[in-house]
Amino acid sequence: MSSLEERFIDRLQKLAEGQERGALASLRRGLGQPPGTVADMYRYVEPFLGEQGSGARFKESAFYLVAALFALHPKSTDEGNMGAHLAKTRTDSGADALERRFTALLAAHPDDLPEYLRQSISFLKSKDVPVNWNQLLWDLENWEKRDDPKYSVQKKWARSFWGGRQSAESTNNSNDKGE
């Protein structure tokens, strides 16, 4: 992640820490709107975008989307990704529904991603699970690079969501067999 992205997330965190409710409300206005179309957000996002070259559409969309989502749920962590965050909320009673929603998120077309992420962030907020905003910004900037193993965001999220569960189930199963 570049220092530009880090400075952007730091700025969002300072808005939340300073309880700048007006600024956060301006950013929340971007929820449910195409990224970059809400004028109230420009003053908080545009200074971080600067002159952009090719591929800038994904970067711009990622910045606007993260800003709106952050304003919805400004609780932060420096660890994990969306897969890990959602895995923390898994319970036996709601596991199937959560897995269906998570699978839909992983398969989301970039145009549909804002809606799926808004639902996921709202869910994390309801469970008081913090979000690694730096990681989410990087992940959104690289969402379209599915074929490159270095960047496959969807696979990384899937490993974080299901990977820990598999090793925990294996441990439980081996303990049961030993008794």
C-alpha atoms as a PDB file:
ATOM      1  CA  MET A   1       0.000   0.000   0.000  1.00  0.00           C
ATOM      2  CA  SER A   2       1.324   3.406  -0.903  1.00  0.00           C
ATOM      3  CA  SER A   3       1.697   6.266   1.490  1.00  0.00           C
ATOM      4  CA  LEU A   4      -1.153   8.032  -0.331  1.00  0.00           C
ATOM      5  CA  GLU A   5      -3.616   5.316   0.651  1.00  0.00           C
ATOM      6  CA  GLU A   6      -2.267   5.266   4.209  1.00  0.00           C
ATOM      7  CA  ARG A   7      -2.628   9.051   4.502  1.00  0.00           C
ATOM      8  CA  PHE A   8      -6.185   8.785   3.200  1.00  0.00           C
ATOM      9  CA  ILE A   9      -7.179   6.204   5.823  1.00  0.00           C
ATOM     10  CA  ASP A  10      -5.387   8.239   8.509  1.00  0.00           C
ATOM     11  CA  ARG A  11      -7.449  11.265   7.469  1.00  0.00           C
ATOM     12  CA  LEU A  12     -10.671   9.281   7.749  1.00  0.00           C
ATOM     13  CA  GLN A  13      -9.648   8.015  11.187  1.00  0.00           C
ATOM     14  CA  LYS A  14      -8.883  11.565  12.333  1.00  0.00           C
ATOM     15  CA  LEU A  15     -12.354  12.649  11.228  1.00  0.00           C
ATOM     16  CA  ALA A  16     -13.857   9.878  13.360  1.00  0.00           C
ATOM     17  CA  GLU A  17     -11.583  10.504  16.351  1.00  0.00           C
ATOM     18  CA  GLY A  18     -12.389  14.218  16.223  1.00  0.00           C
ATOM     19  CA  GLN A  19     -16.045  13.285  16.101  1.00  0.00           C
ATOM     20  CA  GLU A  20     -16.524  15.439  13.035  1.00  0.00           C
ATOM     21  CA  ARG A  21     -20.104  14.332  12.567  1.00  0.00           C
ATOM     22  CA  GLY A  22     -20.746  16.731   9.687  1.00  0.00           C
ATOM     23  CA  ALA A  23     -17.827  15.325   7.704  1.00  0.00           C
ATOM     24  CA  LEU A  24     -18.865  11.730   8.406  1.00  0.00           C
ATOM     25  CA  ALA A  25     -22.453  12.565   7.411  1.00  0.00           C
ATOM     26  CA  SER A  26     -21.170  14.030   4.132  1.00  0.00           C
ATOM     27  CA  LEU A  27     -19.253  10.827   3.467  1.00  0.00           C
ATOM     28  CA  ARG A  28     -22.234   8.605   4.366  1.00  0.00           C
ATOM     29  CA  ARG A  29     -24.238  10.373   1.647  1.00  0.00           C
ATOM     30  CA  GLY A  30     -22.192   8.305  -0.780  1.00  0.00           C
ATOM     31  CA  LEU A  31     -23.818   5.083   0.425  1.00  0.00           C
ATOM     32  CA  GLY A  32     -26.149   3.693  -2.196  1.00  0.00           C
ATOM     33  CA  GLN A  33     -24.797   6.072  -4.848  1.00  0.00           C
ATOM     34  CA  PRO A  34     -22.291   5.317  -7.600  1.00  0.00           C
ATOM     35  CA  PRO A  35     -18.787   6.035  -6.240  1.00  0.00           C
ATOM     36  CA  GLY A  36     -17.634   9.557  -7.023  1.00  0.00           C
ATOM     37  CA  THR A  37     -21.047  11.031  -7.780  1.00  0.00           C
ATOM     38  CA  VAL A  38     -21.855  12.739  -4.459  1.00  0.00           C
ATOM     39  CA  ALA A  39     -20.513  16.298  -4.386  1.00  0.00           C
ATOM     40  CA  ASP A  40     -20.475  16.427  -0.563  1.00  0.00           C
ATOM     41  CA  MET A  41     -17.697  13.834  -0.587  1.00  0.00           C
ATOM     42  CA  TYR A  42     -15.356  15.632  -2.991  1.00  0.00           C
ATOM     43  CA  ARG A  43     -13.620  17.831  -0.414  1.00  0.00           C
ATOM     44  CA  TYR A  44     -12.617  14.777   1.620  1.00  0.00           C
ATOM     45  CA  VAL A  45     -11.605  12.409  -1.194  1.00  0.00           C
ATOM     46  CA  GLU A  46     -10.343  14.418  -4.174  1.00  0.00           C
ATOM     47  CA  PRO A  47      -7.214  15.785  -2.417  1.00  0.00           C
ATOM     48  CA  PHE A  48      -5.975  12.196  -2.209  1.00  0.00           C
ATOM     49  CA  LEU A  49      -6.629  11.260  -5.817  1.00  0.00           C
ATOM     50  CA  GLY A  50      -4.504  13.813  -7.654  1.00  0.00           C
ATOM     51  CA  GLU A  51      -3.638  13.307 -11.305  1.00  0.00           C
ATOM     52  CA  GLN A  52      -4.426   9.769 -12.341  1.00  0.00           C
ATOM     53  CA  GLY A  53      -3.470   7.708 -15.335  1.00  0.00           C
ATOM     54  CA  SER A  54      -4.918   4.533 -16.789  1.00  0.00           C
ATOM     55  CA  GLY A  55      -6.685   2.252 -14.359  1.00  0.00           C
ATOM     56  CA  ALA A  56      -7.709   5.276 -12.328  1.00  0.00           C
ATOM     57  CA  ARG A  57     -11.396   4.355 -12.397  1.00  0.00           C
ATOM     58  CA  PHE A  58     -10.866   1.480  -9.960  1.00  0.00           C
ATOM     59  CA  LYS A  59      -8.717   3.593  -7.675  1.00  0.00           C
ATOM     60  CA  GLU A  60     -11.191   6.469  -7.645  1.00  0.00           C
ATOM     61  CA  SER A  61     -14.118   4.127  -7.037  1.00  0.00           C
ATOM     62  CA  ALA A  62     -12.222   2.390  -4.228  1.00  0.00           C
ATOM     63  CA  PHE A  63     -11.455   5.674  -2.462  1.00  0.00           C
ATOM     64  CA  TYR A  64     -15.041   6.917  -2.646  1.00  0.00           C
ATOM     65  CA  LEU A  65     -16.495   3.572  -1.609  1.00  0.00           C
ATOM     66  CA  VAL A  66     -14.142   3.163   1.357  1.00  0.00           C
ATOM     67  CA  ALA A  67     -14.841   6.724   2.502  1.00  0.00           C
ATOM     68  CA  ALA A  68     -18.609   6.113   2.518  1.00  0.00           C
ATOM     69  CA  LEU A  69     -18.287   2.710   4.204  1.00  0.00           C
ATOM     70  CA  PHE A  70     -15.857   4.058   6.788  1.00  0.00           C
ATOM     71  CA  ALA A  71     -18.327   6.799   7.708  1.00  0.00           C
ATOM     72  CA  LEU A  72     -20.935   4.081   8.276  1.00  0.00           C
ATOM     73  CA  HIS A  73     -18.663   2.059  10.604  1.00  0.00           C
ATOM     74  CA  PRO A  74     -15.455   3.868  11.611  1.00  0.00           C
ATOM     75  CA  LYS A  75     -14.209   1.181  13.978  1.00  0.00           C
ATOM     76  CA  SER A  76     -10.713   0.166  12.773  1.00  0.00           C
ATOM     77  CA  THR A  77      -8.157  -2.577  13.163  1.00  0.00           C
ATOM     78  CA  ASP A  78      -4.765  -3.206  11.565  1.00  0.00           C
ATOM     79  CA  GLU A  79      -5.338  -6.924  11.098  1.00  0.00           C
ATOM     80  CA  GLY A  80      -7.263  -9.150   8.733  1.00  0.00           C
ATOM     81  CA  ASN A  81      -9.367  -8.681   5.636  1.00  0.00           C
ATOM     82  CA  MET A  82     -13.096  -8.908   4.955  1.00  0.00           C
ATOM     83  CA  GLY A  83     -12.976 -12.702   5.020  1.00  0.00           C
ATOM     84  CA  ALA A  84     -11.374 -12.706   8.472  1.00  0.00           C
ATOM     85  CA  HIS A  85     -13.739 -10.021   9.773  1.00  0.00           C
ATOM     86  CA  LEU A  86     -16.824 -11.902   8.638  1.00  0.00           C
ATOM     87  CA  ALA A  87     -15.442 -15.199   9.958  1.00  0.00           C
ATOM     88  CA  LYS A  88     -15.391 -13.637  13.442  1.00  0.00           C
ATOM     89  CA  THR A  89     -19.165 -13.299  13.285  1.00  0.00           C
ATOM     90  CA  ARG A  90     -19.868 -16.907  12.320  1.00  0.00           C
ATOM     91  CA  THR A  91     -22.103 -18.847  14.683  1.00  0.00           C
ATOM     92  CA  ASP A  92     -23.526 -22.328  14.272  1.00  0.00           C
ATOM     93  CA  SER A  93     -27.066 -20.997  13.947  1.00  0.00           C
ATOM     94  CA  GLY A  94     -26.341 -18.472  11.177  1.00  0.00           C
ATOM     95  CA  ALA A  95     -23.405 -20.072   9.383  1.00  0.00           C
ATOM     96  CA  ASP A  96     -25.290 -21.074   6.215  1.00  0.00           C
ATOM     97  CA  ALA A  97     -26.796 -17.623   5.647  1.00  0.00           C
ATOM     98  CA  LEU A  98     -23.469 -15.927   6.309  1.00  0.00           C
ATOM     99  CA  GLU A  99     -21.676 -18.259   3.901  1.00  0.00           C
ATOM    100  CA  ARG A 100     -24.247 -17.582   1.166  1.00  0.00           C
ATOM    101  CA  ARG A 101     -23.879 -13.829   1.613  1.00  0.00           C
ATOM    102  CA  PHE A 102     -20.097 -14.085   1.680  1.00  0.00           C
ATOM    103  CA  THR A 103     -20.039 -16.211  -1.477  1.00  0.00           C
ATOM    104  CA  ALA A 104     -22.218 -13.606  -3.217  1.00  0.00           C
ATOM    105  CA  LEU A 105     -19.768 -10.908  -2.120  1.00  0.00           C
ATOM    106  CA  LEU A 106     -16.827 -12.887  -3.529  1.00  0.00           C
ATOM    107  CA  ALA A 107     -18.584 -13.321  -6.871  1.00  0.00           C
ATOM    108  CA  ALA A 108     -19.741  -9.705  -7.094  1.00  0.00           C
ATOM    109  CA  HIS A 109     -19.194  -7.747 -10.272  1.00  0.00           C
ATOM    110  CA  PRO A 110     -17.371  -4.459  -9.544  1.00  0.00           C
ATOM    111  CA  ASP A 111     -20.554  -2.510 -10.329  1.00  0.00           C
ATOM    112  CA  ASP A 112     -22.442  -4.450  -7.632  1.00  0.00           C
ATOM    113  CA  LEU A 113     -19.671  -4.433  -5.052  1.00  0.00           C
ATOM    114  CA  PRO A 114     -20.770  -1.213  -3.280  1.00  0.00           C
ATOM    115  CA  GLU A 115     -24.128  -2.752  -2.354  1.00  0.00           C
ATOM    116  CA  TYR A 116     -22.661  -6.064  -1.183  1.00  0.00           C
ATOM    117  CA  LEU A 117     -19.998  -4.273   0.850  1.00  0.00           C
ATOM    118  CA  ARG A 118     -22.517  -1.876   2.390  1.00  0.00           C
ATOM    119  CA  GLN A 119     -24.486  -4.883   3.624  1.00  0.00           C
ATOM    120  CA  SER A 120     -21.337  -6.574   4.939  1.00  0.00           C
ATOM    121  CA  ILE A 121     -20.087  -3.452   6.719  1.00  0.00           C
ATOM    122  CA  SER A 122     -23.539  -2.886   8.247  1.00  0.00           C
ATOM    123  CA  PHE A 123     -23.463  -6.479   9.480  1.00  0.00           C
ATOM    124  CA  LEU A 124     -19.962  -6.043  10.958  1.00  0.00           C
ATOM    125  CA  LYS A 125     -21.119  -2.836  12.642  1.00  0.00           C
ATOM    126  CA  SER A 126     -24.074  -4.681  14.204  1.00  0.00           C
ATOM    127  CA  LYS A 127     -21.618  -7.257  15.604  1.00  0.00           C
ATOM    128  CA  ASP A 128     -19.110  -4.558  16.693  1.00  0.00           C
ATOM    129  CA  VAL A 129     -16.329  -6.087  14.553  1.00  0.00           C
ATOM    130  CA  PRO A 130     -13.678  -3.565  13.445  1.00  0.00           C
ATOM    131  CA  VAL A 131     -12.503  -3.330   9.833  1.00  0.00           C
ATOM    132  CA  ASN A 132      -8.995  -3.136   8.422  1.00  0.00           C
ATOM    133  CA  TRP A 133      -9.672  -0.113   6.215  1.00  0.00           C
ATOM    134  CA  ASN A 134      -6.150   0.007   4.772  1.00  0.00           C
ATOM    135  CA  GLN A 135      -6.506  -3.569   3.601  1.00  0.00           C
ATOM    136  CA  LEU A 136     -10.015  -3.026   2.253  1.00  0.00           C
ATOM    137  CA  LEU A 137      -8.832  -0.048   0.198  1.00  0.00           C
ATOM    138  CA  TRP A 138      -5.979  -2.077  -1.299  1.00  0.00           C
ATOM    139  CA  ASP A 139      -8.312  -4.998  -1.940  1.00  0.00           C
ATOM    140  CA  LEU A 140     -10.830  -2.833  -3.790  1.00  0.00           C
ATOM    141  CA  GLU A 141      -8.118  -1.266  -5.926  1.00  0.00           C
ATOM    142  CA  ASN A 142      -7.076  -4.794  -6.932  1.00  0.00           C
ATOM    143  CA  TRP A 143     -10.517  -6.439  -7.164  1.00  0.00           C
ATOM    144  CA  GLU A 144     -10.313  -6.963 -10.915  1.00  0.00           C
ATOM    145  CA  LYS A 145      -6.981  -8.822 -10.824  1.00  0.00           C
ATOM    146  CA  ARG A 146      -8.616 -12.230 -10.225  1.00  0.00           C
ATOM    147  CA  ASP A 147      -6.240 -14.090 -12.535  1.00  0.00           C
ATOM    148  CA  ASP A 148      -3.052 -12.900 -10.840  1.00  0.00           C
ATOM    149  CA  PRO A 149      -2.296 -15.081  -7.768  1.00  0.00           C
ATOM    150  CA  LYS A 150      -0.399 -12.208  -6.176  1.00  0.00           C
ATOM    151  CA  TYR A 151      -3.508 -10.048  -6.216  1.00  0.00           C
ATOM    152  CA  SER A 152      -6.444 -12.451  -6.068  1.00  0.00           C
ATOM    153  CA  VAL A 153      -8.411 -10.637  -3.401  1.00  0.00           C
ATOM    154  CA  GLN A 154     -11.298 -13.068  -3.597  1.00  0.00           C
ATOM    155  CA  LYS A 155      -9.059 -16.080  -2.872  1.00  0.00           C
ATOM    156  CA  LYS A 156      -7.377 -14.291   0.032  1.00  0.00           C
ATOM    157  CA  TRP A 157     -10.746 -13.425   1.538  1.00  0.00           C
ATOM    158  CA  ALA A 158     -11.961 -17.012   1.033  1.00  0.00           C
ATOM    159  CA  ARG A 159      -8.867 -18.447   2.743  1.00  0.00           C
ATOM    160  CA  SER A 160      -9.343 -16.088   5.663  1.00  0.00           C
ATOM    161  CA  PHE A 161     -13.014 -16.973   5.974  1.00  0.00           C
ATOM    162  CA  TRP A 162     -12.870 -20.742   5.533  1.00  0.00           C
ATOM    163  CA  GLY A 163      -9.193 -21.528   6.178  1.00  0.00           C
ATOM    164  CA  GLY A 164      -9.198 -21.064   9.949  1.00  0.00           C
ATOM    165  CA  ARG A 165     -12.424 -23.017  10.253  1.00  0.00           C
ATOM    166  CA  GLN A 166     -11.003 -26.028   8.435  1.00  0.00           C
ATOM    167  CA  SER A 167      -7.966 -26.262  10.722  1.00  0.00           C
ATOM    168  CA  ALA A 168     -10.175 -25.834  13.804  1.00  0.00           C
ATOM    169  CA  GLU A 169     -12.547 -28.572  12.587  1.00  0.00           C
ATOM    170  CA  SER A 170      -9.596 -30.883  11.870  1.00  0.00           C
ATOM    171  CA  THR A 171      -8.280 -30.343  15.381  1.00  0.00           C
ATOM    172  CA  ASN A 172     -11.699 -31.047  16.897  1.00  0.00           C
ATOM    173  CA  ASN A 173     -12.169 -34.155  14.775  1.00  0.00           C
ATOM    174  CA  SER A 174      -8.736 -35.555  15.682  1.00  0.00           C
ATOM    175  CA  ASN A 175      -9.452 -34.891  19.367  1.00  0.00           C
ATOM    176  CA  ASP A 176     -12.765 -36.737  19.090  1.00  0.00           C
ATOM    177  CA  LYS A 177     -11.086 -39.780  17.496  1.00  0.00           C
ATOM    178  CA  GLY A 178      -8.499 -39.991  20.263  1.00  0.00           C
ATOM    179  CA  GLU A 179     -11.089 -40.405  22.986  1.00  0.00           C
END
